[in-house]
Amino acid sequence: MSAVEDTVEVAAEAEAPPPKRGKLLLIVALGVLLLAGAGTGAWFMFGRAPAAAKGKAAQAKVAAEPQYLALDPPFIVNFRDDEALRFLQVGIEVMARDKATLDALKAEDPVARNALVLLFSSQDYKTLSSRDGKEKLRGQALAELQKIVRQRTGKPGIEAVYFTSFVMQ
């Protein structure tokens, strides 16, 4: 055989018959379907889900951020026990989750201070000497302040009252 014939024969052997058109279409369709599925999955994972999670986290963060307001100056009241005239000095901070509630309480400061002075001055020395008595007083103070804020805003708003100082003498 000549070199030209060998080259033609090798070239003929190298050329394989073209693949069937049906198999090619099936492979292309499966590839497109796979890419579409991967794109949809990526959209749910990286596009939509984090945005929704960020929105929920932002809402939770806003709801979870407590804001405090100190009712200054501290309250000083006198009250009697069986043995002597007693004095009580109480520093108070209130906690709410929105500024509008604290603004409403500030606007009603004289009413709030009056209610708390009357509440503190009606206490019993023995009761206030125990932790349970102080906690009960804290709950009563919270109820008084919530009532005042509710009258102004329509909702209680104040979530907690904290005694920042508590001195009995």
N, C-alpha and C. Protein backbone atom coordinates (compact mmCIF):
# COMPACT_ATOMS: atom_id res chain seq x y z
N MET A 1 0.82 -1.17 0.00
CA MET A 1 0.00 0.00 0.00
C MET A 1 0.86 1.23 0.00
N SER A 2 0.30 2.20 -0.60
CA SER A 2 1.05 3.41 -0.68
C SER A 2 0.76 4.29 0.52
N ALA A 3 1.53 5.29 0.71
CA ALA A 3 1.38 6.18 1.87
C ALA A 3 0.07 6.92 1.79
N VAL A 4 -0.38 7.24 0.60
CA VAL A 4 -1.62 7.96 0.45
C VAL A 4 -2.78 7.06 0.82
N GLU A 5 -2.72 5.80 0.41
CA GLU A 5 -3.80 4.88 0.74
C GLU A 5 -3.86 4.63 2.24
N ASP A 6 -2.67 4.51 2.86
CA ASP A 6 -2.63 4.32 4.31
C ASP A 6 -3.27 5.51 5.03
N THR A 7 -3.01 6.71 4.58
CA THR A 7 -3.54 7.90 5.20
C THR A 7 -5.05 7.95 5.03
N VAL A 8 -5.55 7.58 3.86
CA VAL A 8 -6.97 7.60 3.59
C VAL A 8 -7.66 6.55 4.46
N GLU A 9 -7.03 5.37 4.57
CA GLU A 9 -7.60 4.29 5.35
C GLU A 9 -7.66 4.67 6.84
N VAL A 10 -6.59 5.27 7.37
CA VAL A 10 -6.55 5.70 8.77
C VAL A 10 -7.58 6.79 9.01
N ALA A 11 -7.73 7.70 8.07
CA ALA A 11 -8.70 8.77 8.20
C ALA A 11 -10.11 8.22 8.19
N ALA A 12 -10.36 7.21 7.39
CA ALA A 12 -11.68 6.61 7.31
C ALA A 12 -12.01 5.89 8.60
N GLU A 13 -11.00 5.22 9.17
CA GLU A 13 -11.22 4.53 10.44
C GLU A 13 -11.44 5.54 11.58
N ALA A 14 -10.78 6.68 11.52
CA ALA A 14 -10.89 7.67 12.57
C ALA A 14 -12.27 8.33 12.58
N GLU A 15 -12.86 8.42 11.38
CA GLU A 15 -14.18 9.02 11.32
C GLU A 15 -15.19 7.99 11.78
N ALA A 16 -15.81 8.30 12.88
CA ALA A 16 -16.84 7.41 13.38
C ALA A 16 -18.17 7.89 12.83
N PRO A 17 -19.14 7.01 12.78
CA PRO A 17 -20.43 7.46 12.28
C PRO A 17 -21.02 8.48 13.26
N PRO A 18 -21.70 9.50 12.78
CA PRO A 18 -22.26 10.52 13.67
C PRO A 18 -23.27 9.90 14.63
N PRO A 19 -23.32 10.43 15.91
CA PRO A 19 -24.25 9.86 16.87
C PRO A 19 -25.69 10.08 16.40
N LYS A 20 -26.56 9.26 16.91
CA LYS A 20 -27.95 9.36 16.51
C LYS A 20 -28.52 10.67 17.05
N ARG A 21 -29.38 11.28 16.28
CA ARG A 21 -29.95 12.58 16.62
C ARG A 21 -30.82 12.50 17.88
N GLY A 22 -31.50 11.42 18.13
CA GLY A 22 -32.36 11.26 19.31
C GLY A 22 -31.55 11.26 20.60
N LYS A 23 -30.39 10.56 20.57
CA LYS A 23 -29.53 10.53 21.77
C LYS A 23 -28.99 11.92 22.06
N LEU A 24 -28.61 12.64 21.05
CA LEU A 24 -28.06 13.98 21.23
C LEU A 24 -29.12 14.91 21.83
N LEU A 25 -30.35 14.85 21.32
CA LEU A 25 -31.41 15.68 21.86
C LEU A 25 -31.71 15.33 23.32
N LEU A 26 -31.67 14.05 23.66
CA LEU A 26 -31.91 13.61 25.03
C LEU A 26 -30.83 14.15 25.97
N ILE A 27 -29.59 14.09 25.54
CA ILE A 27 -28.48 14.58 26.36
C ILE A 27 -28.60 16.09 26.55
N VAL A 28 -28.92 16.84 25.51
CA VAL A 28 -29.07 18.29 25.59
C VAL A 28 -30.24 18.64 26.50
N ALA A 29 -31.36 17.93 26.36
CA ALA A 29 -32.54 18.20 27.19
C ALA A 29 -32.24 17.93 28.67
N LEU A 30 -31.54 16.83 28.95
CA LEU A 30 -31.17 16.52 30.33
C LEU A 30 -30.21 17.58 30.89
N GLY A 31 -29.31 18.07 30.08
CA GLY A 31 -28.39 19.12 30.52
C GLY A 31 -29.12 20.41 30.84
N VAL A 32 -30.08 20.79 29.98
CA VAL A 32 -30.87 22.01 30.22
C VAL A 32 -31.71 21.85 31.48
N LEU A 33 -32.32 20.68 31.65
CA LEU A 33 -33.13 20.42 32.84
C LEU A 33 -32.28 20.47 34.10
N LEU A 34 -31.09 19.91 34.03
CA LEU A 34 -30.17 19.93 35.18
C LEU A 34 -29.76 21.36 35.52
N LEU A 35 -29.43 22.15 34.53
CA LEU A 35 -29.07 23.55 34.76
C LEU A 35 -30.24 24.35 35.32
N ALA A 36 -31.44 24.11 34.82
CA ALA A 36 -32.62 24.82 35.33
C ALA A 36 -32.88 24.45 36.79
N GLY A 37 -32.74 23.18 37.11
CA GLY A 37 -32.93 22.74 38.50
C GLY A 37 -31.89 23.35 39.42
N ALA A 38 -30.65 23.37 38.97
CA ALA A 38 -29.58 23.95 39.78
C ALA A 38 -29.80 25.45 39.97
N GLY A 39 -30.24 26.12 38.92
CA GLY A 39 -30.51 27.55 39.03
C GLY A 39 -31.65 27.85 39.99
N THR A 40 -32.71 27.04 39.92
CA THR A 40 -33.85 27.22 40.83
C THR A 40 -33.42 26.96 42.27
N GLY A 41 -32.65 25.90 42.47
CA GLY A 41 -32.16 25.60 43.83
C GLY A 41 -31.28 26.72 44.37
N ALA A 42 -30.42 27.26 43.51
CA ALA A 42 -29.56 28.35 43.94
C ALA A 42 -30.38 29.60 44.27
N TRP A 43 -31.43 29.85 43.49
CA TRP A 43 -32.28 31.01 43.77
C TRP A 43 -32.95 30.87 45.13
N PHE A 44 -33.45 29.67 45.43
CA PHE A 44 -34.09 29.46 46.73
C PHE A 44 -33.08 29.55 47.87
N MET A 45 -31.88 29.00 47.66
CA MET A 45 -30.89 29.02 48.73
C MET A 45 -30.24 30.38 48.93
N PHE A 46 -29.83 30.98 47.84
CA PHE A 46 -29.03 32.19 47.97
C PHE A 46 -29.80 33.47 47.66
N GLY A 47 -30.82 33.38 46.89
CA GLY A 47 -31.56 34.59 46.51
C GLY A 47 -32.70 34.89 47.44
N ARG A 48 -33.61 33.95 47.57
CA ARG A 48 -34.84 34.21 48.30
C ARG A 48 -34.70 33.91 49.79
N ALA A 49 -34.15 32.80 50.16
CA ALA A 49 -34.11 32.38 51.57
C ALA A 49 -33.33 33.37 52.45
N PRO A 50 -32.13 33.80 52.08
CA PRO A 50 -31.46 34.75 52.96
C PRO A 50 -32.20 36.07 53.10
N ALA A 51 -32.85 36.54 52.05
CA ALA A 51 -33.59 37.80 52.16
C ALA A 51 -34.73 37.63 53.15
N ALA A 52 -35.43 36.50 53.06
CA ALA A 52 -36.52 36.25 54.01
C ALA A 52 -35.96 36.10 55.41
N ALA A 53 -34.85 35.40 55.53
CA ALA A 53 -34.24 35.24 56.86
C ALA A 53 -33.76 36.58 57.40
N LYS A 54 -33.21 37.41 56.52
CA LYS A 54 -32.77 38.74 56.96
C LYS A 54 -33.95 39.56 57.44
N GLY A 55 -35.07 39.49 56.73
CA GLY A 55 -36.26 40.23 57.13
C GLY A 55 -36.77 39.78 58.48
N LYS A 56 -36.81 38.47 58.71
CA LYS A 56 -37.26 37.95 59.99
C LYS A 56 -36.27 38.32 61.09
N ALA A 57 -34.98 38.23 60.79
CA ALA A 57 -33.97 38.58 61.79
C ALA A 57 -34.06 40.07 62.13
N ALA A 58 -34.30 40.89 61.12
CA ALA A 58 -34.42 42.33 61.37
C ALA A 58 -35.65 42.62 62.23
N GLN A 59 -36.77 41.92 61.94
CA GLN A 59 -37.96 42.13 62.77
C GLN A 59 -37.71 41.67 64.19
N ALA A 60 -37.04 40.52 64.35
CA ALA A 60 -36.75 40.01 65.69
C ALA A 60 -35.81 40.97 66.41
N LYS A 61 -34.85 41.52 65.68
CA LYS A 61 -33.91 42.44 66.30
C LYS A 61 -34.62 43.71 66.78
N VAL A 62 -35.50 44.23 65.95
CA VAL A 62 -36.24 45.43 66.34
C VAL A 62 -37.09 45.14 67.57
N ALA A 63 -37.75 44.00 67.55
CA ALA A 63 -38.61 43.65 68.69
C ALA A 63 -37.80 43.34 69.93
N ALA A 64 -36.57 42.88 69.76
CA ALA A 64 -35.77 42.43 70.90
C ALA A 64 -34.96 43.56 71.53
N GLU A 65 -34.90 44.71 70.93
CA GLU A 65 -34.08 45.77 71.47
C GLU A 65 -34.84 46.54 72.55
N PRO A 66 -34.51 46.29 73.80
CA PRO A 66 -35.18 47.04 74.87
C PRO A 66 -34.62 48.47 74.94
N GLN A 67 -35.50 49.38 75.31
CA GLN A 67 -35.11 50.77 75.52
C GLN A 67 -35.48 51.13 76.95
N TYR A 68 -34.64 51.91 77.59
CA TYR A 68 -34.82 52.21 79.01
C TYR A 68 -35.02 53.71 79.22
N LEU A 69 -35.76 54.00 80.27
CA LEU A 69 -35.99 55.38 80.68
C LEU A 69 -35.86 55.44 82.20
N ALA A 70 -34.96 56.29 82.68
CA ALA A 70 -34.80 56.48 84.12
C ALA A 70 -35.81 57.52 84.58
N LEU A 71 -36.52 57.20 85.63
CA LEU A 71 -37.45 58.17 86.22
C LEU A 71 -36.67 58.94 87.28
N ASP A 72 -36.09 60.05 86.86
CA ASP A 72 -35.27 60.86 87.76
C ASP A 72 -36.05 62.07 88.21
N PRO A 73 -35.80 62.55 89.38
CA PRO A 73 -34.91 62.06 90.43
C PRO A 73 -35.52 60.83 91.12
N PRO A 74 -34.71 60.13 91.91
CA PRO A 74 -35.23 58.96 92.64
C PRO A 74 -36.39 59.37 93.54
N PHE A 75 -37.24 58.41 93.83
CA PHE A 75 -38.40 58.64 94.69
C PHE A 75 -37.96 58.55 96.15
N ILE A 76 -38.39 59.50 96.96
CA ILE A 76 -38.13 59.47 98.40
C ILE A 76 -39.47 59.66 99.10
N VAL A 77 -39.85 58.65 99.87
CA VAL A 77 -41.12 58.71 100.60
C VAL A 77 -40.88 58.30 102.05
N ASN A 78 -41.80 58.73 102.92
CA ASN A 78 -41.74 58.25 104.29
C ASN A 78 -42.96 57.39 104.55
N PHE A 79 -42.80 56.47 105.48
CA PHE A 79 -43.90 55.61 105.89
C PHE A 79 -43.64 55.15 107.30
N ARG A 80 -44.67 54.73 107.96
CA ARG A 80 -44.56 54.32 109.36
C ARG A 80 -44.51 52.82 109.47
N ASP A 81 -43.76 52.39 110.44
CA ASP A 81 -43.94 51.02 110.89
C ASP A 81 -44.31 51.12 112.36
N ASP A 82 -44.42 50.03 113.05
CA ASP A 82 -44.87 50.05 114.44
C ASP A 82 -43.93 50.83 115.36
N GLU A 83 -42.67 50.91 114.99
CA GLU A 83 -41.68 51.47 115.92
C GLU A 83 -41.26 52.91 115.59
N ALA A 84 -41.21 53.26 114.30
CA ALA A 84 -40.64 54.57 113.98
C ALA A 84 -41.11 55.04 112.61
N LEU A 85 -40.74 56.27 112.31
CA LEU A 85 -40.99 56.82 110.98
C LEU A 85 -39.86 56.32 110.08
N ARG A 86 -40.17 55.78 108.94
CA ARG A 86 -39.18 55.21 108.03
C ARG A 86 -39.15 55.99 106.73
N PHE A 87 -38.01 55.90 106.06
CA PHE A 87 -37.83 56.53 104.76
C PHE A 87 -37.46 55.47 103.73
N LEU A 88 -37.93 55.70 102.54
CA LEU A 88 -37.63 54.81 101.43
C LEU A 88 -37.18 55.66 100.25
N GLN A 89 -36.03 55.31 99.69
CA GLN A 89 -35.54 55.96 98.47
C GLN A 89 -35.42 54.89 97.40
N VAL A 90 -36.08 55.12 96.26
CA VAL A 90 -36.11 54.13 95.18
C VAL A 90 -35.74 54.80 93.87
N GLY A 91 -34.71 54.27 93.22
CA GLY A 91 -34.36 54.68 91.86
C GLY A 91 -35.04 53.70 90.90
N ILE A 92 -35.63 54.22 89.84
CA ILE A 92 -36.40 53.36 88.94
C ILE A 92 -36.01 53.62 87.49
N GLU A 93 -35.94 52.53 86.72
CA GLU A 93 -35.85 52.59 85.27
C GLU A 93 -36.94 51.68 84.71
N VAL A 94 -37.55 52.14 83.64
CA VAL A 94 -38.58 51.32 82.98
C VAL A 94 -38.05 50.87 81.64
N MET A 95 -38.58 49.73 81.18
CA MET A 95 -38.15 49.18 79.90
C MET A 95 -39.36 49.02 78.98
N ALA A 96 -39.18 49.46 77.74
CA ALA A 96 -40.18 49.29 76.69
C ALA A 96 -39.44 48.93 75.42
N ARG A 97 -40.16 48.52 74.42
CA ARG A 97 -39.54 48.13 73.16
C ARG A 97 -39.69 49.19 72.07
N ASP A 98 -40.40 50.27 72.37
CA ASP A 98 -40.50 51.34 71.37
C ASP A 98 -40.42 52.70 72.05
N LYS A 99 -39.88 53.63 71.30
CA LYS A 99 -39.65 54.99 71.82
C LYS A 99 -40.97 55.71 72.10
N ALA A 100 -42.01 55.42 71.34
CA ALA A 100 -43.29 56.10 71.52
C ALA A 100 -43.86 55.84 72.91
N THR A 101 -43.67 54.64 73.42
CA THR A 101 -44.15 54.31 74.76
C THR A 101 -43.40 55.13 75.80
N LEU A 102 -42.09 55.21 75.66
CA LEU A 102 -41.30 55.99 76.62
C LEU A 102 -41.63 57.48 76.52
N ASP A 103 -41.89 57.96 75.31
CA ASP A 103 -42.29 59.36 75.15
C ASP A 103 -43.64 59.62 75.82
N ALA A 104 -44.55 58.67 75.71
CA ALA A 104 -45.87 58.81 76.36
C ALA A 104 -45.71 58.86 77.87
N LEU A 105 -44.82 58.03 78.40
CA LEU A 105 -44.58 58.05 79.85
C LEU A 105 -43.93 59.36 80.29
N LYS A 106 -42.99 59.86 79.49
CA LYS A 106 -42.37 61.16 79.81
C LYS A 106 -43.42 62.26 79.84
N ALA A 107 -44.33 62.22 78.89
CA ALA A 107 -45.37 63.25 78.83
C ALA A 107 -46.29 63.19 80.05
N GLU A 108 -46.43 62.03 80.64
CA GLU A 108 -47.28 61.84 81.82
C GLU A 108 -46.45 61.74 83.11
N ASP A 109 -45.25 62.30 83.09
CA ASP A 109 -44.35 62.19 84.24
C ASP A 109 -44.99 62.59 85.57
N PRO A 110 -45.69 63.73 85.67
CA PRO A 110 -46.28 64.09 86.96
C PRO A 110 -47.31 63.06 87.45
N VAL A 111 -48.09 62.53 86.52
CA VAL A 111 -49.10 61.53 86.87
C VAL A 111 -48.41 60.25 87.34
N ALA A 112 -47.37 59.84 86.62
CA ALA A 112 -46.64 58.62 86.97
C ALA A 112 -45.94 58.77 88.33
N ARG A 113 -45.30 59.89 88.54
CA ARG A 113 -44.60 60.11 89.81
C ARG A 113 -45.59 60.13 90.98
N ASN A 114 -46.74 60.76 90.79
CA ASN A 114 -47.76 60.79 91.83
C ASN A 114 -48.22 59.37 92.18
N ALA A 115 -48.52 58.59 91.16
CA ALA A 115 -48.99 57.22 91.39
C ALA A 115 -47.94 56.40 92.13
N LEU A 116 -46.68 56.56 91.77
CA LEU A 116 -45.62 55.79 92.43
C LEU A 116 -45.36 56.27 93.85
N VAL A 117 -45.42 57.57 94.09
CA VAL A 117 -45.24 58.09 95.45
C VAL A 117 -46.34 57.54 96.37
N LEU A 118 -47.58 57.56 95.89
CA LEU A 118 -48.68 57.01 96.69
C LEU A 118 -48.49 55.51 96.93
N LEU A 119 -48.04 54.80 95.92
CA LEU A 119 -47.81 53.37 96.07
C LEU A 119 -46.69 53.10 97.08
N PHE A 120 -45.56 53.79 96.94
CA PHE A 120 -44.41 53.53 97.82
C PHE A 120 -44.70 53.93 99.26
N SER A 121 -45.41 55.01 99.44
CA SER A 121 -45.66 55.47 100.81
C SER A 121 -46.70 54.61 101.54
N SER A 122 -47.40 53.77 100.83
CA SER A 122 -48.40 52.91 101.48
C SER A 122 -47.84 51.53 101.84
N GLN A 123 -46.53 51.36 101.71
CA GLN A 123 -45.94 50.05 101.96
C GLN A 123 -45.65 49.81 103.42
N ASP A 124 -45.49 48.53 103.73
CA ASP A 124 -45.18 48.08 105.09
C ASP A 124 -43.69 47.74 105.17
N TYR A 125 -43.04 48.18 106.24
CA TYR A 125 -41.61 47.97 106.40
C TYR A 125 -41.24 46.49 106.38
N LYS A 126 -42.01 45.66 107.09
CA LYS A 126 -41.69 44.22 107.14
C LYS A 126 -41.79 43.59 105.76
N THR A 127 -42.77 43.98 105.00
CA THR A 127 -42.95 43.43 103.66
C THR A 127 -41.77 43.81 102.76
N LEU A 128 -41.36 45.07 102.82
CA LEU A 128 -40.28 45.53 101.96
C LEU A 128 -38.91 45.01 102.39
N SER A 129 -38.82 44.44 103.57
CA SER A 129 -37.54 43.90 104.05
C SER A 129 -37.17 42.61 103.34
N SER A 130 -38.14 41.95 102.72
CA SER A 130 -37.84 40.68 102.03
C SER A 130 -37.75 40.90 100.52
N ARG A 131 -37.06 39.98 99.88
CA ARG A 131 -36.94 40.04 98.41
C ARG A 131 -38.32 39.90 97.76
N ASP A 132 -39.14 38.98 98.28
CA ASP A 132 -40.48 38.79 97.72
C ASP A 132 -41.31 40.07 97.83
N GLY A 133 -41.17 40.78 98.93
CA GLY A 133 -41.89 42.04 99.10
C GLY A 133 -41.47 43.07 98.07
N LYS A 134 -40.16 43.13 97.80
CA LYS A 134 -39.65 44.08 96.79
C LYS A 134 -40.15 43.69 95.39
N GLU A 135 -40.15 42.39 95.09
CA GLU A 135 -40.63 41.92 93.78
C GLU A 135 -42.12 42.23 93.61
N LYS A 136 -42.88 42.06 94.69
CA LYS A 136 -44.30 42.38 94.64
C LYS A 136 -44.50 43.87 94.38
N LEU A 137 -43.71 44.70 95.04
CA LEU A 137 -43.78 46.15 94.84
C LEU A 137 -43.41 46.51 93.40
N ARG A 138 -42.42 45.84 92.86
CA ARG A 138 -42.02 46.07 91.47
C ARG A 138 -43.18 45.76 90.52
N GLY A 139 -43.88 44.66 90.78
CA GLY A 139 -45.04 44.30 89.97
C GLY A 139 -46.16 45.32 90.07
N GLN A 140 -46.38 45.83 91.28
CA GLN A 140 -47.42 46.86 91.47
C GLN A 140 -47.03 48.15 90.75
N ALA A 141 -45.76 48.51 90.82
CA ALA A 141 -45.29 49.72 90.12
C ALA A 141 -45.46 49.56 88.61
N LEU A 142 -45.15 48.37 88.10
CA LEU A 142 -45.33 48.10 86.67
C LEU A 142 -46.80 48.27 86.28
N ALA A 143 -47.69 47.71 87.07
CA ALA A 143 -49.13 47.82 86.77
C ALA A 143 -49.58 49.28 86.76
N GLU A 144 -49.11 50.07 87.71
CA GLU A 144 -49.48 51.50 87.77
C GLU A 144 -49.01 52.23 86.51
N LEU A 145 -47.75 51.98 86.11
CA LEU A 145 -47.22 52.68 84.94
C LEU A 145 -47.89 52.20 83.65
N GLN A 146 -48.19 50.92 83.56
CA GLN A 146 -48.88 50.41 82.37
C GLN A 146 -50.27 51.03 82.24
N LYS A 147 -50.94 51.21 83.36
CA LYS A 147 -52.27 51.83 83.35
C LYS A 147 -52.19 53.26 82.81
N ILE A 148 -51.19 53.99 83.24
CA ILE A 148 -51.02 55.38 82.80
C ILE A 148 -50.71 55.44 81.30
N VAL A 149 -49.79 54.58 80.84
CA VAL A 149 -49.43 54.57 79.42
C VAL A 149 -50.61 54.09 78.57
N ARG A 150 -51.36 53.12 79.06
CA ARG A 150 -52.52 52.61 78.33
C ARG A 150 -53.56 53.71 78.12
N GLN A 151 -53.75 54.56 79.12
CA GLN A 151 -54.71 55.66 78.99
C GLN A 151 -54.29 56.62 77.89
N ARG A 152 -53.00 56.77 77.70
CA ARG A 152 -52.50 57.73 76.70
C ARG A 152 -52.37 57.11 75.31
N THR A 153 -51.93 55.84 75.24
CA THR A 153 -51.64 55.24 73.94
C THR A 153 -52.58 54.11 73.53
N GLY A 154 -53.32 53.58 74.47
CA GLY A 154 -54.21 52.46 74.15
C GLY A 154 -53.58 51.09 74.34
N LYS A 155 -52.31 51.05 74.68
CA LYS A 155 -51.64 49.77 74.96
C LYS A 155 -50.70 49.96 76.14
N PRO A 156 -50.42 48.87 76.89
CA PRO A 156 -49.62 49.03 78.10
C PRO A 156 -48.18 49.47 77.82
N GLY A 157 -47.54 48.92 76.80
CA GLY A 157 -46.23 49.39 76.36
C GLY A 157 -45.06 49.12 77.28
N ILE A 158 -45.16 49.44 78.55
CA ILE A 158 -44.07 49.23 79.50
C ILE A 158 -44.01 47.74 79.81
N GLU A 159 -42.83 47.14 79.64
CA GLU A 159 -42.69 45.71 79.87
C GLU A 159 -42.08 45.38 81.22
N ALA A 160 -41.29 46.29 81.76
CA ALA A 160 -40.63 45.98 83.03
C ALA A 160 -40.29 47.26 83.77
N VAL A 161 -40.24 47.12 85.09
CA VAL A 161 -39.78 48.18 85.98
C VAL A 161 -38.61 47.60 86.75
N TYR A 162 -37.53 48.36 86.82
CA TYR A 162 -36.34 47.91 87.55
C TYR A 162 -36.01 48.90 88.64
N PHE A 163 -35.73 48.38 89.83
CA PHE A 163 -35.25 49.23 90.91
C PHE A 163 -33.74 49.31 90.74
N THR A 164 -33.24 50.50 90.46
CA THR A 164 -31.80 50.68 90.30
C THR A 164 -31.15 51.05 91.62
N SER A 165 -31.95 51.49 92.57
CA SER A 165 -31.48 51.66 93.95
C SER A 165 -32.70 51.48 94.86
N PHE A 166 -32.44 50.99 96.05
CA PHE A 166 -33.53 50.73 96.99
C PHE A 166 -32.95 50.86 98.39
N VAL A 167 -33.24 51.98 99.05
CA VAL A 167 -32.68 52.25 100.37
C VAL A 167 -33.81 52.48 101.34
N MET A 168 -33.83 51.67 102.39
CA MET A 168 -34.80 51.88 103.47
C MET A 168 -34.04 52.29 104.73
N GLN A 169 -34.64 53.20 105.48
CA GLN A 169 -33.97 53.66 106.70
C GLN A 169 -34.99 53.86 107.78
